[in-house]
């Protein structure tokens, strides 16, 4: 019997799914979509959520980036991930392509993202393959707070590189 092709569908999360998926993937993103500041994209394989990205309409808010990069009319991707067992199947590519398509609608002409400089070389290679270019200003240490699955507030930090591309 021939192997069935892997298919993925990417769409903005529906309001009725938002709480469950936010808890599953990326706590804290619900307000972005509710406020209209961005959209939470989910990749589906059949009826399983296999990946996600948060697309902001306003570009990165990091002043260190804004000093060197004109983020006017720029979208920004963050909080992206693909479930481990679905990596290498085109999930992240499908999410990014959908984000790029959606970012054009409100008039964005650029899109950017941060990628873990040392801990995520596969993601950096993927972004380069999709046309994203390193900003050539070195690494930034970014920190963020989140609430873990047990309800405990946590803080994490990671060195990242900013990458972007024209739409």
N, C-alpha and C. Protein backbone atom coordinates (compact mmCIF):
# COMPACT_ATOMS: atom_id res chain seq x y z
N UNK A 1 0.85 -1.17 0.00
CA UNK A 1 0.00 0.00 0.00
C UNK A 1 0.89 1.24 0.00
N UNK A 2 0.70 2.20 -0.93
CA UNK A 2 1.56 3.38 -1.01
C UNK A 2 1.36 4.29 0.21
N UNK A 3 2.47 4.93 0.61
CA UNK A 3 2.40 5.84 1.75
C UNK A 3 1.64 7.09 1.36
N UNK A 4 0.75 7.53 2.24
CA UNK A 4 -0.05 8.71 1.98
C UNK A 4 0.79 9.96 2.20
N UNK A 5 0.62 10.97 1.35
CA UNK A 5 1.37 12.21 1.48
C UNK A 5 0.97 12.94 2.76
N UNK A 6 1.95 13.56 3.39
CA UNK A 6 1.70 14.33 4.60
C UNK A 6 1.10 15.67 4.18
N UNK A 7 -0.03 16.02 4.73
CA UNK A 7 -0.66 17.30 4.42
C UNK A 7 -0.81 18.12 5.68
N UNK A 8 -0.67 19.41 5.52
CA UNK A 8 -0.83 20.33 6.64
C UNK A 8 -1.65 21.52 6.16
N UNK A 9 -2.54 21.97 7.02
CA UNK A 9 -3.37 23.14 6.75
C UNK A 9 -3.05 24.18 7.81
N UNK A 10 -2.81 25.42 7.39
CA UNK A 10 -2.50 26.49 8.34
C UNK A 10 -3.62 27.52 8.28
N UNK A 11 -4.11 27.87 9.47
CA UNK A 11 -5.14 28.91 9.53
C UNK A 11 -5.10 29.59 10.89
N UNK A 12 -5.63 30.81 10.95
CA UNK A 12 -5.71 31.48 12.25
C UNK A 12 -6.59 30.66 13.19
N UNK A 13 -6.21 30.66 14.43
CA UNK A 13 -6.97 29.91 15.42
C UNK A 13 -8.36 30.54 15.56
N UNK A 14 -9.35 29.71 15.72
CA UNK A 14 -10.71 30.19 15.94
C UNK A 14 -10.89 30.54 17.40
N UNK A 15 -11.76 31.48 17.67
CA UNK A 15 -11.99 31.93 19.05
C UNK A 15 -12.30 30.77 19.99
N UNK A 16 -13.09 29.82 19.51
CA UNK A 16 -13.47 28.68 20.35
C UNK A 16 -12.29 27.75 20.67
N UNK A 17 -11.22 27.82 19.89
CA UNK A 17 -10.05 26.95 20.08
C UNK A 17 -8.94 27.65 20.85
N UNK A 18 -9.03 28.95 20.97
CA UNK A 18 -7.92 29.75 21.45
C UNK A 18 -7.41 29.35 22.83
N UNK A 19 -8.29 29.18 23.78
CA UNK A 19 -7.85 28.86 25.14
C UNK A 19 -7.14 27.50 25.20
N UNK A 20 -7.73 26.51 24.57
CA UNK A 20 -7.13 25.17 24.59
C UNK A 20 -5.78 25.16 23.89
N UNK A 21 -5.69 25.77 22.73
CA UNK A 21 -4.43 25.76 21.98
C UNK A 21 -3.37 26.63 22.63
N UNK A 22 -3.79 27.73 23.22
CA UNK A 22 -2.83 28.59 23.90
C UNK A 22 -2.19 27.82 25.05
N UNK A 23 -2.99 27.11 25.80
CA UNK A 23 -2.46 26.31 26.92
C UNK A 23 -1.52 25.24 26.39
N UNK A 24 -1.88 24.64 25.28
CA UNK A 24 -1.10 23.56 24.69
C UNK A 24 0.24 24.05 24.15
N UNK A 25 0.21 25.17 23.44
CA UNK A 25 1.39 25.62 22.72
C UNK A 25 2.10 26.83 23.32
N UNK A 26 1.40 27.92 23.50
CA UNK A 26 2.08 29.17 23.77
C UNK A 26 1.29 30.07 24.72
N UNK A 27 1.37 29.80 26.01
CA UNK A 27 0.63 30.62 26.97
C UNK A 27 0.95 32.11 26.80
N UNK A 28 -0.10 32.93 26.90
CA UNK A 28 0.09 34.37 26.81
C UNK A 28 -0.22 34.97 25.45
N UNK A 29 -0.49 34.15 24.45
CA UNK A 29 -0.71 34.68 23.10
C UNK A 29 -2.17 35.05 22.83
N UNK A 30 -3.07 34.61 23.68
CA UNK A 30 -4.49 34.82 23.44
C UNK A 30 -4.83 36.30 23.28
N UNK A 31 -4.26 37.15 24.12
CA UNK A 31 -4.60 38.57 24.10
C UNK A 31 -4.17 39.25 22.80
N UNK A 32 -3.11 38.78 22.18
CA UNK A 32 -2.64 39.38 20.93
C UNK A 32 -3.73 39.26 19.86
N UNK A 33 -4.30 38.10 19.73
CA UNK A 33 -5.33 37.91 18.71
C UNK A 33 -6.62 38.63 19.10
N UNK A 34 -7.00 38.55 20.36
CA UNK A 34 -8.24 39.21 20.80
C UNK A 34 -8.16 40.71 20.59
N UNK A 35 -7.00 41.32 20.78
CA UNK A 35 -6.84 42.77 20.65
C UNK A 35 -6.67 43.22 19.21
N UNK A 36 -6.46 42.29 18.30
CA UNK A 36 -6.24 42.65 16.89
C UNK A 36 -4.82 43.05 16.58
N UNK A 37 -3.89 42.87 17.53
CA UNK A 37 -2.49 43.22 17.30
C UNK A 37 -1.76 42.19 16.46
N UNK A 38 -2.38 41.04 16.26
CA UNK A 38 -1.75 39.98 15.50
C UNK A 38 -2.69 38.80 15.38
N UNK A 39 -2.14 37.71 14.91
CA UNK A 39 -2.95 36.50 14.73
C UNK A 39 -2.11 35.29 15.13
N UNK A 40 -2.76 34.35 15.78
CA UNK A 40 -2.13 33.12 16.22
C UNK A 40 -2.42 32.06 15.16
N UNK A 41 -1.39 31.63 14.46
CA UNK A 41 -1.54 30.65 13.38
C UNK A 41 -1.27 29.24 13.89
N UNK A 42 -2.13 28.33 13.50
CA UNK A 42 -1.99 26.93 13.89
C UNK A 42 -1.88 26.08 12.63
N UNK A 43 -0.94 25.14 12.64
CA UNK A 43 -0.80 24.16 11.56
C UNK A 43 -1.49 22.88 12.01
N UNK A 44 -2.35 22.37 11.15
CA UNK A 44 -3.11 21.16 11.46
C UNK A 44 -2.74 20.05 10.50
N UNK A 45 -2.58 18.87 11.03
CA UNK A 45 -2.49 17.65 10.22
C UNK A 45 -3.68 16.81 10.64
N UNK A 46 -4.59 16.65 9.69
CA UNK A 46 -5.87 16.02 9.98
C UNK A 46 -6.53 16.81 11.11
N UNK A 47 -6.76 16.24 12.28
CA UNK A 47 -7.40 16.96 13.37
C UNK A 47 -6.45 17.25 14.52
N UNK A 48 -5.14 17.18 14.24
CA UNK A 48 -4.13 17.38 15.27
C UNK A 48 -3.39 18.68 15.01
N UNK A 49 -3.30 19.53 16.04
CA UNK A 49 -2.49 20.75 15.96
C UNK A 49 -1.02 20.33 16.05
N UNK A 50 -0.24 20.63 15.01
CA UNK A 50 1.14 20.16 14.94
C UNK A 50 2.18 21.26 15.01
N UNK A 51 1.76 22.52 14.93
CA UNK A 51 2.71 23.63 14.99
C UNK A 51 1.98 24.95 15.12
N UNK A 52 2.75 25.99 15.43
CA UNK A 52 2.14 27.31 15.60
C UNK A 52 3.17 28.42 15.42
N UNK A 53 2.68 29.61 15.16
CA UNK A 53 3.46 30.84 15.12
C UNK A 53 2.53 31.98 15.49
N UNK A 54 3.05 32.96 16.17
CA UNK A 54 2.30 34.17 16.48
C UNK A 54 2.79 35.26 15.53
N UNK A 55 1.88 35.84 14.77
CA UNK A 55 2.20 36.88 13.79
C UNK A 55 1.71 38.22 14.32
N UNK A 56 2.64 39.13 14.58
CA UNK A 56 2.33 40.49 15.02
C UNK A 56 2.30 41.40 13.80
N UNK A 57 1.39 42.35 13.79
CA UNK A 57 1.30 43.30 12.68
C UNK A 57 2.28 44.46 12.83
N UNK A 58 2.87 44.65 14.01
CA UNK A 58 3.62 45.87 14.30
C UNK A 58 5.14 45.74 14.29
N UNK A 59 5.68 44.64 13.86
CA UNK A 59 7.13 44.48 13.87
C UNK A 59 7.64 44.22 15.27
N UNK A 60 8.95 43.99 15.41
CA UNK A 60 9.51 43.71 16.73
C UNK A 60 9.43 44.96 17.61
N UNK A 61 9.17 44.77 18.89
CA UNK A 61 9.11 45.92 19.80
C UNK A 61 10.43 46.14 20.53
N UNK A 62 11.44 45.36 20.22
CA UNK A 62 12.74 45.47 20.87
C UNK A 62 13.47 46.72 20.36
N UNK A 63 13.73 47.66 21.26
CA UNK A 63 14.38 48.92 20.87
C UNK A 63 15.78 48.69 20.28
N UNK A 64 16.45 47.62 20.70
CA UNK A 64 17.78 47.34 20.15
C UNK A 64 17.70 47.04 18.66
N UNK A 65 16.63 46.40 18.23
CA UNK A 65 16.43 46.13 16.81
C UNK A 65 15.98 47.39 16.10
N UNK A 66 15.05 48.12 16.69
CA UNK A 66 14.49 49.32 16.07
C UNK A 66 15.55 50.41 15.84
N UNK A 67 16.65 50.39 16.58
CA UNK A 67 17.72 51.36 16.36
C UNK A 67 18.42 51.13 15.03
N UNK A 68 18.42 49.89 14.54
CA UNK A 68 19.15 49.54 13.33
C UNK A 68 18.26 49.17 12.15
N UNK A 69 17.01 48.83 12.43
CA UNK A 69 16.13 48.31 11.38
C UNK A 69 14.85 49.14 11.35
N UNK A 70 14.49 49.65 10.18
CA UNK A 70 13.22 50.35 10.02
C UNK A 70 12.11 49.31 10.02
N UNK A 71 11.32 49.31 11.07
CA UNK A 71 10.27 48.29 11.18
C UNK A 71 8.89 48.84 10.78
N UNK A 72 8.88 50.04 10.18
CA UNK A 72 7.63 50.57 9.66
C UNK A 72 7.10 49.61 8.61
N UNK A 73 5.85 49.30 8.67
CA UNK A 73 5.22 48.36 7.73
C UNK A 73 5.87 46.98 7.79
N UNK A 74 6.25 46.58 8.99
CA UNK A 74 6.92 45.29 9.17
C UNK A 74 6.13 44.41 10.13
N UNK A 75 5.93 43.17 9.74
CA UNK A 75 5.31 42.17 10.62
C UNK A 75 6.42 41.44 11.37
N UNK A 76 6.03 40.69 12.39
CA UNK A 76 7.02 39.99 13.21
C UNK A 76 6.45 38.64 13.64
N UNK A 77 7.24 37.60 13.48
CA UNK A 77 6.86 36.25 13.89
C UNK A 77 7.54 35.90 15.20
N UNK A 78 6.80 35.30 16.12
CA UNK A 78 7.41 34.82 17.35
C UNK A 78 6.63 33.64 17.90
N UNK A 79 7.20 33.03 18.93
CA UNK A 79 6.56 31.92 19.64
C UNK A 79 6.19 30.78 18.69
N UNK A 80 7.10 30.48 17.78
CA UNK A 80 6.83 29.40 16.83
C UNK A 80 7.46 28.09 17.25
N UNK A 81 6.78 27.01 16.92
CA UNK A 81 7.31 25.68 17.20
C UNK A 81 6.52 24.65 16.41
N UNK A 82 7.17 23.53 16.20
CA UNK A 82 6.53 22.36 15.58
C UNK A 82 6.72 21.19 16.54
N UNK A 83 5.68 20.42 16.72
CA UNK A 83 5.80 19.23 17.57
C UNK A 83 6.92 18.35 17.02
N UNK A 84 7.70 17.79 17.91
CA UNK A 84 8.91 17.05 17.54
C UNK A 84 8.61 15.97 16.49
N UNK A 85 7.58 15.19 16.66
CA UNK A 85 7.34 14.09 15.72
C UNK A 85 6.92 14.55 14.32
N UNK A 86 6.62 15.87 14.16
CA UNK A 86 6.20 16.39 12.86
C UNK A 86 7.28 17.26 12.22
N UNK A 87 8.43 17.38 12.84
CA UNK A 87 9.50 18.20 12.28
C UNK A 87 10.05 17.53 11.02
N UNK A 88 10.51 18.37 10.10
CA UNK A 88 11.06 17.88 8.84
C UNK A 88 10.00 17.50 7.81
N UNK A 89 8.75 17.85 8.08
CA UNK A 89 7.65 17.51 7.18
C UNK A 89 7.03 18.73 6.51
N UNK A 90 7.66 19.90 6.67
CA UNK A 90 7.16 21.11 6.02
C UNK A 90 6.19 21.94 6.85
N UNK A 91 6.02 21.60 8.12
CA UNK A 91 5.07 22.33 8.97
C UNK A 91 5.52 23.78 9.15
N UNK A 92 6.76 24.02 9.55
CA UNK A 92 7.25 25.38 9.77
C UNK A 92 7.22 26.18 8.47
N UNK A 93 7.58 25.56 7.37
CA UNK A 93 7.53 26.26 6.08
C UNK A 93 6.10 26.69 5.76
N UNK A 94 5.15 25.81 5.97
CA UNK A 94 3.74 26.15 5.70
C UNK A 94 3.28 27.29 6.60
N UNK A 95 3.65 27.27 7.87
CA UNK A 95 3.29 28.34 8.79
C UNK A 95 3.88 29.68 8.35
N UNK A 96 5.15 29.67 7.99
CA UNK A 96 5.82 30.91 7.59
C UNK A 96 5.23 31.45 6.28
N UNK A 97 4.99 30.58 5.33
CA UNK A 97 4.40 31.03 4.05
C UNK A 97 3.02 31.65 4.27
N UNK A 98 2.22 31.05 5.15
CA UNK A 98 0.89 31.61 5.46
C UNK A 98 1.04 32.95 6.16
N UNK A 99 1.98 33.06 7.09
CA UNK A 99 2.22 34.33 7.79
C UNK A 99 2.63 35.42 6.80
N UNK A 100 3.50 35.08 5.88
CA UNK A 100 3.94 36.06 4.87
C UNK A 100 2.76 36.52 4.03
N UNK A 101 1.92 35.59 3.63
CA UNK A 101 0.73 35.93 2.84
C UNK A 101 -0.19 36.86 3.62
N UNK A 102 -0.47 36.52 4.87
CA UNK A 102 -1.36 37.33 5.69
C UNK A 102 -0.77 38.70 6.00
N UNK A 103 0.53 38.79 6.17
CA UNK A 103 1.18 40.05 6.53
C UNK A 103 1.05 41.09 5.42
N UNK A 104 0.93 40.66 4.20
CA UNK A 104 0.79 41.60 3.08
C UNK A 104 -0.54 42.35 3.12
N UNK A 105 -1.59 41.71 3.63
CA UNK A 105 -2.93 42.30 3.61
C UNK A 105 -3.01 43.64 4.33
N UNK A 106 -2.44 43.78 5.54
CA UNK A 106 -2.51 45.09 6.19
C UNK A 106 -1.43 46.06 5.72
N UNK A 107 -0.71 45.71 4.66
CA UNK A 107 0.28 46.62 4.09
C UNK A 107 1.70 46.42 4.56
N UNK A 108 2.00 45.32 5.20
CA UNK A 108 3.38 45.06 5.62
C UNK A 108 4.24 44.76 4.39
N UNK A 109 5.42 45.32 4.35
CA UNK A 109 6.34 45.09 3.23
C UNK A 109 7.56 44.27 3.66
N UNK A 110 7.69 44.05 4.97
CA UNK A 110 8.78 43.23 5.51
C UNK A 110 8.21 42.34 6.59
N UNK A 111 8.94 41.27 6.88
CA UNK A 111 8.60 40.39 7.98
C UNK A 111 9.90 39.94 8.63
N UNK A 112 9.90 39.87 9.94
CA UNK A 112 11.12 39.48 10.66
C UNK A 112 10.81 38.49 11.76
N UNK A 113 11.88 37.96 12.33
CA UNK A 113 11.77 37.01 13.44
C UNK A 113 13.10 36.92 14.15
N UNK A 114 13.07 36.40 15.35
CA UNK A 114 14.29 36.10 16.09
C UNK A 114 14.49 34.60 16.06
N UNK A 115 15.73 34.19 15.94
CA UNK A 115 16.03 32.76 15.97
C UNK A 115 17.15 32.53 16.98
N UNK A 116 17.00 31.46 17.76
CA UNK A 116 18.04 31.09 18.72
C UNK A 116 19.37 30.94 18.02
N UNK A 117 20.34 31.70 18.44
CA UNK A 117 21.63 31.76 17.75
C UNK A 117 22.42 30.47 17.83
N UNK A 118 22.40 29.83 18.98
CA UNK A 118 23.23 28.64 19.14
C UNK A 118 22.42 27.37 19.32
N UNK A 119 21.22 27.51 19.87
CA UNK A 119 20.44 26.32 20.21
C UNK A 119 19.50 25.86 19.10
N UNK A 120 19.43 26.60 18.00
CA UNK A 120 18.46 26.24 16.97
C UNK A 120 19.03 26.42 15.55
N UNK A 121 20.15 25.76 15.24
CA UNK A 121 20.74 25.94 13.90
C UNK A 121 19.84 25.43 12.78
N UNK A 122 19.03 24.42 13.02
CA UNK A 122 18.13 23.93 11.97
C UNK A 122 17.11 24.99 11.58
N UNK A 123 16.56 25.69 12.57
CA UNK A 123 15.60 26.75 12.28
C UNK A 123 16.27 27.87 11.50
N UNK A 124 17.47 28.25 11.90
CA UNK A 124 18.17 29.32 11.18
C UNK A 124 18.41 28.93 9.72
N UNK A 125 18.78 27.69 9.46
CA UNK A 125 18.98 27.23 8.08
C UNK A 125 17.66 27.29 7.31
N UNK A 126 16.56 26.90 7.96
CA UNK A 126 15.26 26.96 7.30
C UNK A 126 14.92 28.40 6.93
N UNK A 127 15.08 29.33 7.86
CA UNK A 127 14.76 30.73 7.58
C UNK A 127 15.63 31.27 6.45
N UNK A 128 16.90 30.93 6.44
CA UNK A 128 17.78 31.36 5.35
C UNK A 128 17.29 30.78 4.02
N UNK A 129 16.90 29.52 4.03
CA UNK A 129 16.37 28.87 2.82
C UNK A 129 15.11 29.58 2.31
N UNK A 130 14.32 30.13 3.24
CA UNK A 130 13.08 30.82 2.87
C UNK A 130 13.32 32.30 2.53
N UNK A 131 14.57 32.73 2.55
CA UNK A 131 14.89 34.10 2.12
C UNK A 131 15.13 35.10 3.23
N UNK A 132 15.14 34.66 4.47
CA UNK A 132 15.40 35.57 5.59
C UNK A 132 16.90 35.82 5.69
N UNK A 133 17.25 37.07 6.02
CA UNK A 133 18.65 37.49 6.06
C UNK A 133 18.99 37.98 7.47
N UNK A 134 20.15 37.56 7.96
CA UNK A 134 20.67 37.99 9.26
C UNK A 134 20.88 39.51 9.23
N UNK A 135 20.57 40.18 10.30
CA UNK A 135 20.67 41.64 10.34
C UNK A 135 22.09 42.14 10.54
N UNK A 136 23.05 41.28 10.74
CA UNK A 136 24.48 41.62 10.85
C UNK A 136 24.82 42.56 12.00
N UNK A 137 24.04 42.53 13.07
CA UNK A 137 24.35 43.35 14.25
C UNK A 137 24.67 42.48 15.46
N UNK A 138 24.84 41.19 15.24
CA UNK A 138 25.17 40.29 16.34
C UNK A 138 23.95 39.78 17.08
N UNK A 139 24.25 39.11 18.18
CA UNK A 139 23.20 38.49 18.99
C UNK A 139 22.59 39.48 19.98
N UNK A 140 21.36 39.18 20.35
CA UNK A 140 20.65 39.90 21.40
C UNK A 140 20.26 38.88 22.46
N UNK A 141 20.28 39.25 23.70
CA UNK A 141 19.75 38.38 24.74
C UNK A 141 18.32 38.83 25.00
N UNK A 142 17.37 37.96 24.71
CA UNK A 142 15.96 38.28 24.96
C UNK A 142 15.47 37.45 26.13
N UNK A 143 14.60 38.07 26.90
CA UNK A 143 14.00 37.41 28.06
C UNK A 143 12.49 37.55 27.96
N UNK A 144 11.80 36.59 28.51
CA UNK A 144 10.35 36.65 28.51
C UNK A 144 9.82 35.92 29.72
N UNK A 145 8.62 36.35 30.12
CA UNK A 145 7.94 35.70 31.23
C UNK A 145 6.79 34.89 30.67
N UNK A 146 6.47 33.83 31.35
CA UNK A 146 5.34 33.00 30.96
C UNK A 146 4.84 32.25 32.18
N UNK A 147 3.66 31.71 32.04
CA UNK A 147 3.09 30.88 33.10
C UNK A 147 3.16 29.44 32.62
N UNK A 148 3.83 28.59 33.39
CA UNK A 148 3.97 27.20 32.97
C UNK A 148 2.67 26.43 33.18
N UNK A 149 2.67 25.18 32.77
CA UNK A 149 1.45 24.36 32.84
C UNK A 149 0.93 24.15 34.26
N UNK A 150 1.79 24.39 35.26
CA UNK A 150 1.39 24.27 36.66
C UNK A 150 0.90 25.58 37.24
N UNK A 151 0.88 26.66 36.39
CA UNK A 151 0.42 27.96 36.87
C UNK A 151 1.49 28.79 37.53
N UNK A 152 2.75 28.38 37.44
CA UNK A 152 3.86 29.09 38.07
C UNK A 152 4.47 30.07 37.06
N UNK A 153 4.70 31.34 37.50
CA UNK A 153 5.35 32.33 36.64
C UNK A 153 6.82 31.96 36.48
N UNK A 154 7.30 31.97 35.26
CA UNK A 154 8.69 31.64 34.95
C UNK A 154 9.29 32.73 34.08
N UNK A 155 10.61 32.84 34.08
CA UNK A 155 11.33 33.74 33.18
C UNK A 155 12.40 32.92 32.49
N UNK A 156 12.53 33.12 31.19
CA UNK A 156 13.59 32.47 30.42
C UNK A 156 14.32 33.51 29.60
N UNK A 157 15.55 33.21 29.23
CA UNK A 157 16.36 34.08 28.38
C UNK A 157 17.03 33.22 27.32
N UNK A 158 17.33 33.86 26.18
CA UNK A 158 17.97 33.14 25.09
C UNK A 158 18.70 34.13 24.19
N UNK A 159 19.93 33.80 23.77
CA UNK A 159 20.59 34.65 22.76
C UNK A 159 19.95 34.38 21.40
N UNK A 160 19.59 35.46 20.69
CA UNK A 160 18.93 35.32 19.40
C UNK A 160 19.59 36.22 18.37
N UNK A 161 19.29 35.93 17.12
CA UNK A 161 19.67 36.77 16.00
C UNK A 161 18.40 37.20 15.29
N UNK A 162 18.30 38.48 14.94
CA UNK A 162 17.15 38.98 14.20
C UNK A 162 17.38 38.73 12.71
N UNK A 163 16.34 38.22 12.04
CA UNK A 163 16.39 37.97 10.60
C UNK A 163 15.13 38.56 9.98
N UNK A 164 15.21 39.00 8.72
CA UNK A 164 14.02 39.53 8.07
C UNK A 164 14.11 39.32 6.56
N UNK A 165 12.98 39.60 5.90
CA UNK A 165 12.94 39.54 4.44
C UNK A 165 11.88 40.49 3.92
N UNK A 166 12.02 40.89 2.68
CA UNK A 166 11.02 41.72 2.01
C UNK A 166 9.87 40.82 1.56
N UNK A 167 8.68 41.36 1.62
CA UNK A 167 7.50 40.62 1.16
C UNK A 167 7.14 41.04 -0.26
